[in-house]
Amino acid sequence: MNSALPDDQLSFRAYFIRIHGPEIDPTVRMLLVETSVAQPIYEGFGSLSQCERWIVQLTGWIIPKDVLSVLRKRIEQKRMATIKGVQVSRREIESIGLQRLDR
């Protein structure tokens, strides 16, 4: 049985949930949920800026300032924030240390 992860780019939705910490750069739980039927879920914890760096590292794109502004505002209000359409492979997600939750 081959346990290698596929390199296919999949579409994920990234959820950012404030846990605690300072207003400027709080600790956040980031969930990546695949938007297909199977819906693997990956999780990571870090500062908001660390989570932003993970998204940039995974996708290669910089989060637009307007999206970043909305994300930060929602986190400051202690609300969940979402980024849709994150295209990345499962191998890339696990390479930065995010853990799969749905196994």
PDB file of N, CA and C in Angstrom:
ATOM      1  N   MET A   1       0.839  -1.183   0.000  1.00  0.00           N
ATOM      2  CA  MET A   1       0.000   0.000   0.000  1.00  0.00           C
ATOM      3  C   MET A   1       0.881   1.241   0.000  1.00  0.00           C
ATOM      4  N   ASN A   2       0.612   2.167  -0.879  1.00  0.00           N
ATOM      5  CA  ASN A   2       1.393   3.378  -1.004  1.00  0.00           C
ATOM      6  C   ASN A   2       0.803   4.455  -0.093  1.00  0.00           C
ATOM      7  N   SER A   3       1.592   4.907   0.890  1.00  0.00           N
ATOM      8  CA  SER A   3       1.094   5.906   1.838  1.00  0.00           C
ATOM      9  C   SER A   3       1.497   7.324   1.443  1.00  0.00           C
ATOM     10  N   ALA A   4       2.092   7.481   0.271  1.00  0.00           N
ATOM     11  CA  ALA A   4       2.512   8.813  -0.164  1.00  0.00           C
ATOM     12  C   ALA A   4       1.299   9.701  -0.388  1.00  0.00           C
ATOM     13  N   LEU A   5       1.441  10.952  -0.031  1.00  0.00           N
ATOM     14  CA  LEU A   5       0.360  11.909  -0.229  1.00  0.00           C
ATOM     15  C   LEU A   5       0.358  12.374  -1.677  1.00  0.00           C
ATOM     16  N   PRO A   6      -0.823  12.605  -2.247  1.00  0.00           N
ATOM     17  CA  PRO A   6      -0.885  13.090  -3.622  1.00  0.00           C
ATOM     18  C   PRO A   6      -0.374  14.528  -3.719  1.00  0.00           C
ATOM     19  N   ASP A   7       0.154  14.881  -4.893  1.00  0.00           N
ATOM     20  CA  ASP A   7       0.640  16.239  -5.125  1.00  0.00           C
ATOM     21  C   ASP A   7      -0.414  17.109  -5.792  1.00  0.00           C
ATOM     22  N   ASP A   8      -1.626  16.587  -5.972  1.00  0.00           N
ATOM     23  CA  ASP A   8      -2.688  17.342  -6.622  1.00  0.00           C
ATOM     24  C   ASP A   8      -3.031  18.589  -5.814  1.00  0.00           C
ATOM     25  N   GLN A   9      -3.214  19.683  -6.524  1.00  0.00           N
ATOM     26  CA  GLN A   9      -3.666  20.912  -5.886  1.00  0.00           C
ATOM     27  C   GLN A   9      -5.153  20.781  -5.584  1.00  0.00           C
ATOM     28  N   LEU A  10      -5.517  20.988  -4.338  1.00  0.00           N
ATOM     29  CA  LEU A  10      -6.901  20.901  -3.907  1.00  0.00           C
ATOM     30  C   LEU A  10      -7.342  22.265  -3.400  1.00  0.00           C
ATOM     31  N   SER A  11      -8.635  22.488  -3.399  1.00  0.00           N
ATOM     32  CA  SER A  11      -9.168  23.757  -2.917  1.00  0.00           C
ATOM     33  C   SER A  11      -9.558  23.625  -1.447  1.00  0.00           C
ATOM     34  N   PHE A  12      -9.049  24.544  -0.637  1.00  0.00           N
ATOM     35  CA  PHE A  12      -9.332  24.568   0.791  1.00  0.00           C
ATOM     36  C   PHE A  12      -9.919  25.917   1.171  1.00  0.00           C
ATOM     37  N   ARG A  13     -10.643  25.918   2.248  1.00  0.00           N
ATOM     38  CA  ARG A  13     -11.103  27.148   2.885  1.00  0.00           C
ATOM     39  C   ARG A  13     -10.322  27.256   4.188  1.00  0.00           C
ATOM     40  N   ALA A  14      -9.720  28.409   4.441  1.00  0.00           N
ATOM     41  CA  ALA A  14      -8.939  28.634   5.659  1.00  0.00           C
ATOM     42  C   ALA A  14      -9.793  29.393   6.667  1.00  0.00           C
ATOM     43  N   TYR A  15      -9.884  28.840   7.870  1.00  0.00           N
ATOM     44  CA  TYR A  15     -10.616  29.468   8.965  1.00  0.00           C
ATOM     45  C   TYR A  15      -9.608  29.908  10.018  1.00  0.00           C
ATOM     46  N   PHE A  16      -9.781  31.116  10.523  1.00  0.00           N
ATOM     47  CA  PHE A  16      -8.921  31.679  11.551  1.00  0.00           C
ATOM     48  C   PHE A  16      -9.784  31.970  12.773  1.00  0.00           C
ATOM     49  N   ILE A  17      -9.455  31.347  13.895  1.00  0.00           N
ATOM     50  CA  ILE A  17     -10.244  31.483  15.114  1.00  0.00           C
ATOM     51  C   ILE A  17      -9.332  31.986  16.223  1.00  0.00           C
ATOM     52  N   ARG A  18      -9.663  33.131  16.768  1.00  0.00           N
ATOM     53  CA  ARG A  18      -8.844  33.721  17.837  1.00  0.00           C
ATOM     54  C   ARG A  18      -8.947  32.873  19.104  1.00  0.00           C
ATOM     55  N   ILE A  19      -7.805  32.580  19.709  1.00  0.00           N
ATOM     56  CA  ILE A  19      -7.759  31.797  20.937  1.00  0.00           C
ATOM     57  C   ILE A  19      -7.533  32.726  22.133  1.00  0.00           C
ATOM     58  N   HIS A  20      -6.421  33.460  22.145  1.00  0.00           N
ATOM     59  CA  HIS A  20      -6.101  34.391  23.229  1.00  0.00           C
ATOM     60  C   HIS A  20      -4.906  35.222  22.806  1.00  0.00           C
ATOM     61  N   GLY A  21      -4.509  36.141  23.669  1.00  0.00           N
ATOM     62  CA  GLY A  21      -3.308  36.908  23.415  1.00  0.00           C
ATOM     63  C   GLY A  21      -3.577  38.370  23.157  1.00  0.00           C
ATOM     64  N   PRO A  22      -2.515  39.098  22.823  1.00  0.00           N
ATOM     65  CA  PRO A  22      -2.630  40.544  22.633  1.00  0.00           C
ATOM     66  C   PRO A  22      -3.474  40.896  21.412  1.00  0.00           C
ATOM     67  N   GLU A  23      -4.034  42.086  21.441  1.00  0.00           N
ATOM     68  CA  GLU A  23      -4.863  42.550  20.325  1.00  0.00           C
ATOM     69  C   GLU A  23      -4.085  42.612  19.009  1.00  0.00           C
ATOM     70  N   ILE A  24      -2.828  42.986  19.081  1.00  0.00           N
ATOM     71  CA  ILE A  24      -2.014  43.187  17.879  1.00  0.00           C
ATOM     72  C   ILE A  24      -1.755  41.886  17.133  1.00  0.00           C
ATOM     73  N   ASP A  25      -1.341  40.839  17.818  1.00  0.00           N
ATOM     74  CA  ASP A  25      -0.970  39.583  17.157  1.00  0.00           C
ATOM     75  C   ASP A  25      -1.383  38.390  18.035  1.00  0.00           C
ATOM     76  N   PRO A  26      -2.696  38.152  18.142  1.00  0.00           N
ATOM     77  CA  PRO A  26      -3.180  37.100  19.050  1.00  0.00           C
ATOM     78  C   PRO A  26      -2.848  35.697  18.542  1.00  0.00           C
ATOM     79  N   THR A  27      -2.942  34.732  19.446  1.00  0.00           N
ATOM     80  CA  THR A  27      -2.818  33.327  19.073  1.00  0.00           C
ATOM     81  C   THR A  27      -4.097  32.912  18.362  1.00  0.00           C
ATOM     82  N   VAL A  28      -3.920  32.216  17.252  1.00  0.00           N
ATOM     83  CA  VAL A  28      -5.029  31.864  16.381  1.00  0.00           C
ATOM     84  C   VAL A  28      -4.973  30.370  16.072  1.00  0.00           C
ATOM     85  N   ARG A  29      -6.129  29.760  15.985  1.00  0.00           N
ATOM     86  CA  ARG A  29      -6.241  28.392  15.482  1.00  0.00           C
ATOM     87  C   ARG A  29      -6.619  28.510  14.012  1.00  0.00           C
ATOM     88  N   MET A  30      -5.795  27.929  13.153  1.00  0.00           N
ATOM     89  CA  MET A  30      -6.079  27.948  11.723  1.00  0.00           C
ATOM     90  C   MET A  30      -6.510  26.556  11.295  1.00  0.00           C
ATOM     91  N   LEU A  31      -7.656  26.487  10.645  1.00  0.00           N
ATOM     92  CA  LEU A  31      -8.147  25.228  10.086  1.00  0.00           C
ATOM     93  C   LEU A  31      -8.182  25.343   8.579  1.00  0.00           C
ATOM     94  N   LEU A  32      -7.676  24.339   7.896  1.00  0.00           N
ATOM     95  CA  LEU A  32      -7.810  24.244   6.444  1.00  0.00           C
ATOM     96  C   LEU A  32      -8.768  23.093   6.174  1.00  0.00           C
ATOM     97  N   VAL A  33      -9.891  23.398   5.549  1.00  0.00           N
ATOM     98  CA  VAL A  33     -10.917  22.398   5.270  1.00  0.00           C
ATOM     99  C   VAL A  33     -11.065  22.292   3.761  1.00  0.00           C
ATOM    100  N   GLU A  34     -10.818  21.080   3.238  1.00  0.00           N
ATOM    101  CA  GLU A  34     -10.959  20.872   1.801  1.00  0.00           C
ATOM    102  C   GLU A  34     -12.419  21.057   1.419  1.00  0.00           C
ATOM    103  N   THR A  35     -12.653  21.666   0.276  1.00  0.00           N
ATOM    104  CA  THR A  35     -14.024  21.982  -0.137  1.00  0.00           C
ATOM    105  C   THR A  35     -14.690  20.870  -0.942  1.00  0.00           C
ATOM    106  N   SER A  36     -14.004  19.737  -1.128  1.00  0.00           N
ATOM    107  CA  SER A  36     -14.609  18.604  -1.846  1.00  0.00           C
ATOM    108  C   SER A  36     -15.453  17.772  -0.889  1.00  0.00           C
ATOM    109  N   VAL A  37     -15.962  16.689  -1.380  1.00  0.00           N
ATOM    110  CA  VAL A  37     -16.801  15.801  -0.572  1.00  0.00           C
ATOM    111  C   VAL A  37     -16.022  15.165   0.578  1.00  0.00           C
ATOM    112  N   ALA A  38     -14.757  14.798   0.349  1.00  0.00           N
ATOM    113  CA  ALA A  38     -13.969  14.103   1.367  1.00  0.00           C
ATOM    114  C   ALA A  38     -13.649  14.992   2.572  1.00  0.00           C
ATOM    115  N   GLN A  39     -13.421  16.245   2.340  1.00  0.00           N
ATOM    116  CA  GLN A  39     -13.150  17.258   3.348  1.00  0.00           C
ATOM    117  C   GLN A  39     -12.106  16.918   4.408  1.00  0.00           C
ATOM    118  N   PRO A  40     -10.860  16.632   4.008  1.00  0.00           N
ATOM    119  CA  PRO A  40      -9.824  16.524   5.029  1.00  0.00           C
ATOM    120  C   PRO A  40      -9.675  17.867   5.744  1.00  0.00           C
ATOM    121  N   ILE A  41      -9.356  17.812   7.011  1.00  0.00           N
ATOM    122  CA  ILE A  41      -9.204  19.012   7.825  1.00  0.00           C
ATOM    123  C   ILE A  41      -7.808  19.015   8.435  1.00  0.00           C
ATOM    124  N   TYR A  42      -7.115  20.144   8.292  1.00  0.00           N
ATOM    125  CA  TYR A  42      -5.788  20.322   8.874  1.00  0.00           C
ATOM    126  C   TYR A  42      -5.844  21.470   9.870  1.00  0.00           C
ATOM    127  N   GLU A  43      -5.006  21.393  10.901  1.00  0.00           N
ATOM    128  CA  GLU A  43      -5.035  22.379  11.969  1.00  0.00           C
ATOM    129  C   GLU A  43      -3.626  22.835  12.320  1.00  0.00           C
ATOM    130  N   GLY A  44      -3.522  24.110  12.661  1.00  0.00           N
ATOM    131  CA  GLY A  44      -2.286  24.662  13.181  1.00  0.00           C
ATOM    132  C   GLY A  44      -2.601  25.778  14.154  1.00  0.00           C
ATOM    133  N   PHE A  45      -1.713  25.999  15.114  1.00  0.00           N
ATOM    134  CA  PHE A  45      -1.845  27.084  16.077  1.00  0.00           C
ATOM    135  C   PHE A  45      -0.631  27.987  15.957  1.00  0.00           C
ATOM    136  N   GLY A  46      -0.851  29.276  16.009  1.00  0.00           N
ATOM    137  CA  GLY A  46       0.250  30.229  15.978  1.00  0.00           C
ATOM    138  C   GLY A  46      -0.289  31.628  16.100  1.00  0.00           C
ATOM    139  N   SER A  47       0.605  32.584  16.069  1.00  0.00           N
ATOM    140  CA  SER A  47       0.157  33.975  16.073  1.00  0.00           C
ATOM    141  C   SER A  47      -0.548  34.246  14.747  1.00  0.00           C
ATOM    142  N   LEU A  48      -1.350  35.293  14.711  1.00  0.00           N
ATOM    143  CA  LEU A  48      -2.039  35.638  13.474  1.00  0.00           C
ATOM    144  C   LEU A  48      -1.029  35.876  12.353  1.00  0.00           C
ATOM    145  N   SER A  49       0.062  36.563  12.657  1.00  0.00           N
ATOM    146  CA  SER A  49       1.066  36.813  11.620  1.00  0.00           C
ATOM    147  C   SER A  49       1.704  35.506  11.133  1.00  0.00           C
ATOM    148  N   GLN A  50       1.902  34.537  12.026  1.00  0.00           N
ATOM    149  CA  GLN A  50       2.440  33.233  11.627  1.00  0.00           C
ATOM    150  C   GLN A  50       1.456  32.526  10.689  1.00  0.00           C
ATOM    151  N   CYS A  51       0.180  32.571  11.013  1.00  0.00           N
ATOM    152  CA  CYS A  51      -0.837  31.939  10.162  1.00  0.00           C
ATOM    153  C   CYS A  51      -0.883  32.594   8.786  1.00  0.00           C
ATOM    154  N   GLU A  52      -0.736  33.909   8.759  1.00  0.00           N
ATOM    155  CA  GLU A  52      -0.681  34.616   7.478  1.00  0.00           C
ATOM    156  C   GLU A  52       0.530  34.155   6.667  1.00  0.00           C
ATOM    157  N   ARG A  53       1.669  33.987   7.340  1.00  0.00           N
ATOM    158  CA  ARG A  53       2.886  33.508   6.648  1.00  0.00           C
ATOM    159  C   ARG A  53       2.680  32.091   6.109  1.00  0.00           C
ATOM    160  N   TRP A  54       1.976  31.235   6.869  1.00  0.00           N
ATOM    161  CA  TRP A  54       1.702  29.879   6.387  1.00  0.00           C
ATOM    162  C   TRP A  54       0.913  29.914   5.085  1.00  0.00           C
ATOM    163  N   ILE A  55      -0.109  30.759   5.027  1.00  0.00           N
ATOM    164  CA  ILE A  55      -0.926  30.859   3.805  1.00  0.00           C
ATOM    165  C   ILE A  55      -0.060  31.324   2.641  1.00  0.00           C
ATOM    166  N   VAL A  56       0.773  32.325   2.873  1.00  0.00           N
ATOM    167  CA  VAL A  56       1.662  32.824   1.814  1.00  0.00           C
ATOM    168  C   VAL A  56       2.628  31.724   1.379  1.00  0.00           C
ATOM    169  N   GLN A  57       3.215  31.006   2.346  1.00  0.00           N
ATOM    170  CA  GLN A  57       4.154  29.930   2.040  1.00  0.00           C
ATOM    171  C   GLN A  57       3.473  28.818   1.251  1.00  0.00           C
ATOM    172  N   LEU A  58       2.264  28.472   1.642  1.00  0.00           N
ATOM    173  CA  LEU A  58       1.544  27.381   0.975  1.00  0.00           C
ATOM    174  C   LEU A  58       1.117  27.738  -0.433  1.00  0.00           C
ATOM    175  N   THR A  59       0.650  28.956  -0.629  1.00  0.00           N
ATOM    176  CA  THR A  59       0.042  29.318  -1.906  1.00  0.00           C
ATOM    177  C   THR A  59       0.961  30.086  -2.829  1.00  0.00           C
ATOM    178  N   GLY A  60       1.961  30.743  -2.248  1.00  0.00           N
ATOM    179  CA  GLY A  60       2.837  31.570  -3.071  1.00  0.00           C
ATOM    180  C   GLY A  60       2.237  32.924  -3.388  1.00  0.00           C
ATOM    181  N   TRP A  61       1.031  33.205  -2.906  1.00  0.00           N
ATOM    182  CA  TRP A  61       0.445  34.520  -3.152  1.00  0.00           C
ATOM    183  C   TRP A  61       0.370  35.314  -1.869  1.00  0.00           C
ATOM    184  N   ILE A  62       0.494  36.597  -2.053  1.00  0.00           N
ATOM    185  CA  ILE A  62       0.403  37.520  -0.935  1.00  0.00           C
ATOM    186  C   ILE A  62      -1.074  37.825  -0.709  1.00  0.00           C
ATOM    187  N   ILE A  63      -1.482  37.828   0.558  1.00  0.00           N
ATOM    188  CA  ILE A  63      -2.870  38.135   0.873  1.00  0.00           C
ATOM    189  C   ILE A  63      -3.106  39.616   0.549  1.00  0.00           C
ATOM    190  N   PRO A  64      -4.104  39.915  -0.306  1.00  0.00           N
ATOM    191  CA  PRO A  64      -4.379  41.323  -0.632  1.00  0.00           C
ATOM    192  C   PRO A  64      -4.672  42.131   0.637  1.00  0.00           C
ATOM    193  N   LYS A  65      -4.280  43.405   0.620  1.00  0.00           N
ATOM    194  CA  LYS A  65      -4.432  44.251   1.804  1.00  0.00           C
ATOM    195  C   LYS A  65      -5.878  44.335   2.276  1.00  0.00           C
ATOM    196  N   ASP A  66      -6.835  44.380   1.348  1.00  0.00           N
ATOM    197  CA  ASP A  66      -8.234  44.478   1.771  1.00  0.00           C
ATOM    198  C   ASP A  66      -8.697  43.197   2.464  1.00  0.00           C
ATOM    199  N   VAL A  67      -8.251  42.042   1.976  1.00  0.00           N
ATOM    200  CA  VAL A  67      -8.590  40.765   2.615  1.00  0.00           C
ATOM    201  C   VAL A  67      -7.921  40.681   3.983  1.00  0.00           C
ATOM    202  N   LEU A  68      -6.659  41.075   4.048  1.00  0.00           N
ATOM    203  CA  LEU A  68      -5.921  41.063   5.299  1.00  0.00           C
ATOM    204  C   LEU A  68      -6.568  41.999   6.323  1.00  0.00           C
ATOM    205  N   SER A  69      -7.008  43.148   5.885  1.00  0.00           N
ATOM    206  CA  SER A  69      -7.658  44.108   6.765  1.00  0.00           C
ATOM    207  C   SER A  69      -8.944  43.531   7.359  1.00  0.00           C
ATOM    208  N   VAL A  70      -9.754  42.898   6.525  1.00  0.00           N
ATOM    209  CA  VAL A  70     -10.999  42.275   7.002  1.00  0.00           C
ATOM    210  C   VAL A  70     -10.678  41.131   7.955  1.00  0.00           C
ATOM    211  N   LEU A  71      -9.691  40.314   7.612  1.00  0.00           N
ATOM    212  CA  LEU A  71      -9.298  39.195   8.462  1.00  0.00           C
ATOM    213  C   LEU A  71      -8.878  39.692   9.849  1.00  0.00           C
ATOM    214  N   ARG A  72      -8.005  40.691   9.885  1.00  0.00           N
ATOM    215  CA  ARG A  72      -7.527  41.228  11.157  1.00  0.00           C
ATOM    216  C   ARG A  72      -8.660  41.869  11.962  1.00  0.00           C
ATOM    217  N   LYS A  73      -9.550  42.585  11.284  1.00  0.00           N
ATOM    218  CA  LYS A  73     -10.667  43.231  11.981  1.00  0.00           C
ATOM    219  C   LYS A  73     -11.583  42.193  12.631  1.00  0.00           C
ATOM    220  N   ARG A  74     -11.886  41.127  11.899  1.00  0.00           N
ATOM    221  CA  ARG A  74     -12.747  40.078  12.457  1.00  0.00           C
ATOM    222  C   ARG A  74     -12.088  39.402  13.659  1.00  0.00           C
ATOM    223  N   ILE A  75     -10.775  39.160  13.567  1.00  0.00           N
ATOM    224  CA  ILE A  75     -10.050  38.547  14.685  1.00  0.00           C
ATOM    225  C   ILE A  75     -10.054  39.486  15.898  1.00  0.00           C
ATOM    226  N   GLU A  76      -9.854  40.788  15.662  1.00  0.00           N
ATOM    227  CA  GLU A  76      -9.901  41.755  16.756  1.00  0.00           C
ATOM    228  C   GLU A  76     -11.266  41.764  17.440  1.00  0.00           C
ATOM    229  N   GLN A  77     -12.321  41.529  16.652  1.00  0.00           N
ATOM    230  CA  GLN A  77     -13.688  41.494  17.190  1.00  0.00           C
ATOM    231  C   GLN A  77     -14.027  40.131  17.790  1.00  0.00           C
ATOM    232  N   LYS A  78     -13.008  39.266  17.858  1.00  0.00           N
ATOM    233  CA  LYS A  78     -13.170  37.908  18.395  1.00  0.00           C
ATOM    234  C   LYS A  78     -14.203  37.106  17.607  1.00  0.00           C
ATOM    235  N   ARG A  79     -14.161  37.311  16.288  1.00  0.00           N
ATOM    236  CA  ARG A  79     -15.013  36.564  15.373  1.00  0.00           C
ATOM    237  C   ARG A  79     -14.128  35.718  14.463  1.00  0.00           C
ATOM    238  N   MET A  80     -14.712  34.677  13.896  1.00  0.00           N
ATOM    239  CA  MET A  80     -13.976  33.822  12.974  1.00  0.00           C
ATOM    240  C   MET A  80     -13.809  34.546  11.638  1.00  0.00           C
ATOM    241  N   ALA A  81     -12.655  34.354  11.012  1.00  0.00           N
ATOM    242  CA  ALA A  81     -12.388  34.913   9.692  1.00  0.00           C
ATOM    243  C   ALA A  81     -12.115  33.770   8.728  1.00  0.00           C
ATOM    244  N   THR A  82     -12.423  33.997   7.455  1.00  0.00           N
ATOM    245  CA  THR A  82     -12.296  32.950   6.447  1.00  0.00           C
ATOM    246  C   THR A  82     -11.621  33.489   5.192  1.00  0.00           C
ATOM    247  N   ILE A  83     -10.765  32.656   4.601  1.00  0.00           N
ATOM    248  CA  ILE A  83     -10.226  32.918   3.262  1.00  0.00           C
ATOM    249  C   ILE A  83     -10.621  31.725   2.405  1.00  0.00           C
ATOM    250  N   LYS A  84     -11.319  31.988   1.309  1.00  0.00           N
ATOM    251  CA  LYS A  84     -11.780  30.922   0.416  1.00  0.00           C
ATOM    252  C   LYS A  84     -10.793  30.717  -0.730  1.00  0.00           C
ATOM    253  N   GLY A  85     -10.839  29.530  -1.314  1.00  0.00           N
ATOM    254  CA  GLY A  85     -10.083  29.254  -2.527  1.00  0.00           C
ATOM    255  C   GLY A  85      -8.586  29.116  -2.357  1.00  0.00           C
ATOM    256  N   VAL A  86      -8.142  28.590  -1.230  1.00  0.00           N
ATOM    257  CA  VAL A  86      -6.714  28.340  -1.023  1.00  0.00           C
ATOM    258  C   VAL A  86      -6.368  27.058  -1.777  1.00  0.00           C
ATOM    259  N   GLN A  87      -5.573  27.183  -2.839  1.00  0.00           N
ATOM    260  CA  GLN A  87      -5.196  26.045  -3.679  1.00  0.00           C
ATOM    261  C   GLN A  87      -3.839  25.514  -3.237  1.00  0.00           C
ATOM    262  N   VAL A  88      -3.817  24.263  -2.736  1.00  0.00           N
ATOM    263  CA  VAL A  88      -2.581  23.699  -2.209  1.00  0.00           C
ATOM    264  C   VAL A  88      -2.710  22.179  -2.157  1.00  0.00           C
ATOM    265  N   SER A  89      -1.595  21.469  -2.139  1.00  0.00           N
ATOM    266  CA  SER A  89      -1.637  20.011  -2.026  1.00  0.00           C
ATOM    267  C   SER A  89      -1.551  19.594  -0.564  1.00  0.00           C
ATOM    268  N   ARG A  90      -2.001  18.403  -0.277  1.00  0.00           N
ATOM    269  CA  ARG A  90      -1.917  17.878   1.086  1.00  0.00           C
ATOM    270  C   ARG A  90      -0.467  17.751   1.536  1.00  0.00           C
ATOM    271  N   ARG A  91       0.400  17.376   0.619  1.00  0.00           N
ATOM    272  CA  ARG A  91       1.836  17.250   0.938  1.00  0.00           C
ATOM    273  C   ARG A  91       2.405  18.594   1.395  1.00  0.00           C
ATOM    274  N   GLU A  92       2.046  19.668   0.710  1.00  0.00           N
ATOM    275  CA  GLU A  92       2.532  20.999   1.081  1.00  0.00           C
ATOM    276  C   GLU A  92       2.013  21.406   2.466  1.00  0.00           C
ATOM    277  N   ILE A  93       0.763  21.098   2.749  1.00  0.00           N
ATOM    278  CA  ILE A  93       0.183  21.433   4.055  1.00  0.00           C
ATOM    279  C   ILE A  93       0.941  20.722   5.168  1.00  0.00           C
ATOM    280  N   GLU A  94       1.164  19.435   4.994  1.00  0.00           N
ATOM    281  CA  GLU A  94       1.855  18.673   6.035  1.00  0.00           C
ATOM    282  C   GLU A  94       3.329  19.053   6.132  1.00  0.00           C
ATOM    283  N   SER A  95       3.912  19.579   5.044  1.00  0.00           N
ATOM    284  CA  SER A  95       5.328  19.962   5.073  1.00  0.00           C
ATOM    285  C   SER A  95       5.599  21.156   5.987  1.00  0.00           C
ATOM    286  N   ILE A  96       4.584  21.975   6.273  1.00  0.00           N
ATOM    287  CA  ILE A  96       4.804  23.115   7.176  1.00  0.00           C
ATOM    288  C   ILE A  96       4.373  22.781   8.608  1.00  0.00           C
ATOM    289  N   GLY A  97       3.963  21.531   8.835  1.00  0.00           N
ATOM    290  CA  GLY A  97       3.687  21.080  10.181  1.00  0.00           C
ATOM    291  C   GLY A  97       2.239  21.100  10.620  1.00  0.00           C
ATOM    292  N   LEU A  98       1.316  21.396   9.706  1.00  0.00           N
ATOM    293  CA  LEU A  98      -0.092  21.339  10.095  1.00  0.00           C
ATOM    294  C   LEU A  98      -0.516  19.881  10.248  1.00  0.00           C
ATOM    295  N   GLN A  99      -1.364  19.617  11.216  1.00  0.00           N
ATOM    296  CA  GLN A  99      -1.784  18.257  11.536  1.00  0.00           C
ATOM    297  C   GLN A  99      -3.168  17.975  10.971  1.00  0.00           C
ATOM    298  N   ARG A 100      -3.345  16.775  10.447  1.00  0.00           N
ATOM    299  CA  ARG A 100      -4.653  16.368   9.941  1.00  0.00           C
ATOM    300  C   ARG A 100      -5.520  15.915  11.116  1.00  0.00           C
ATOM    301  N   LEU A 101      -6.750  16.412  11.183  1.00  0.00           N
ATOM    302  CA  LEU A 101      -7.652  16.144  12.306  1.00  0.00           C
ATOM    303  C   LEU A 101      -8.646  15.037  12.050  1.00  0.00           C
ATOM    304  N   ASP A 102      -8.979  14.767  10.829  1.00  0.00           N
ATOM    305  CA  ASP A 102     -10.109  13.895  10.521  1.00  0.00           C
ATOM    306  C   ASP A 102      -9.738  12.429  10.328  1.00  0.00           C
ATOM    307  N   ARG A 103      -8.603  12.007  10.823  1.00  0.00           N
ATOM    308  CA  ARG A 103      -8.202  10.596  10.668  1.00  0.00           C
ATOM    309  C   ARG A 103      -8.671   9.790  11.831  1.00  0.00           C
TER     310      ARG A 103
END
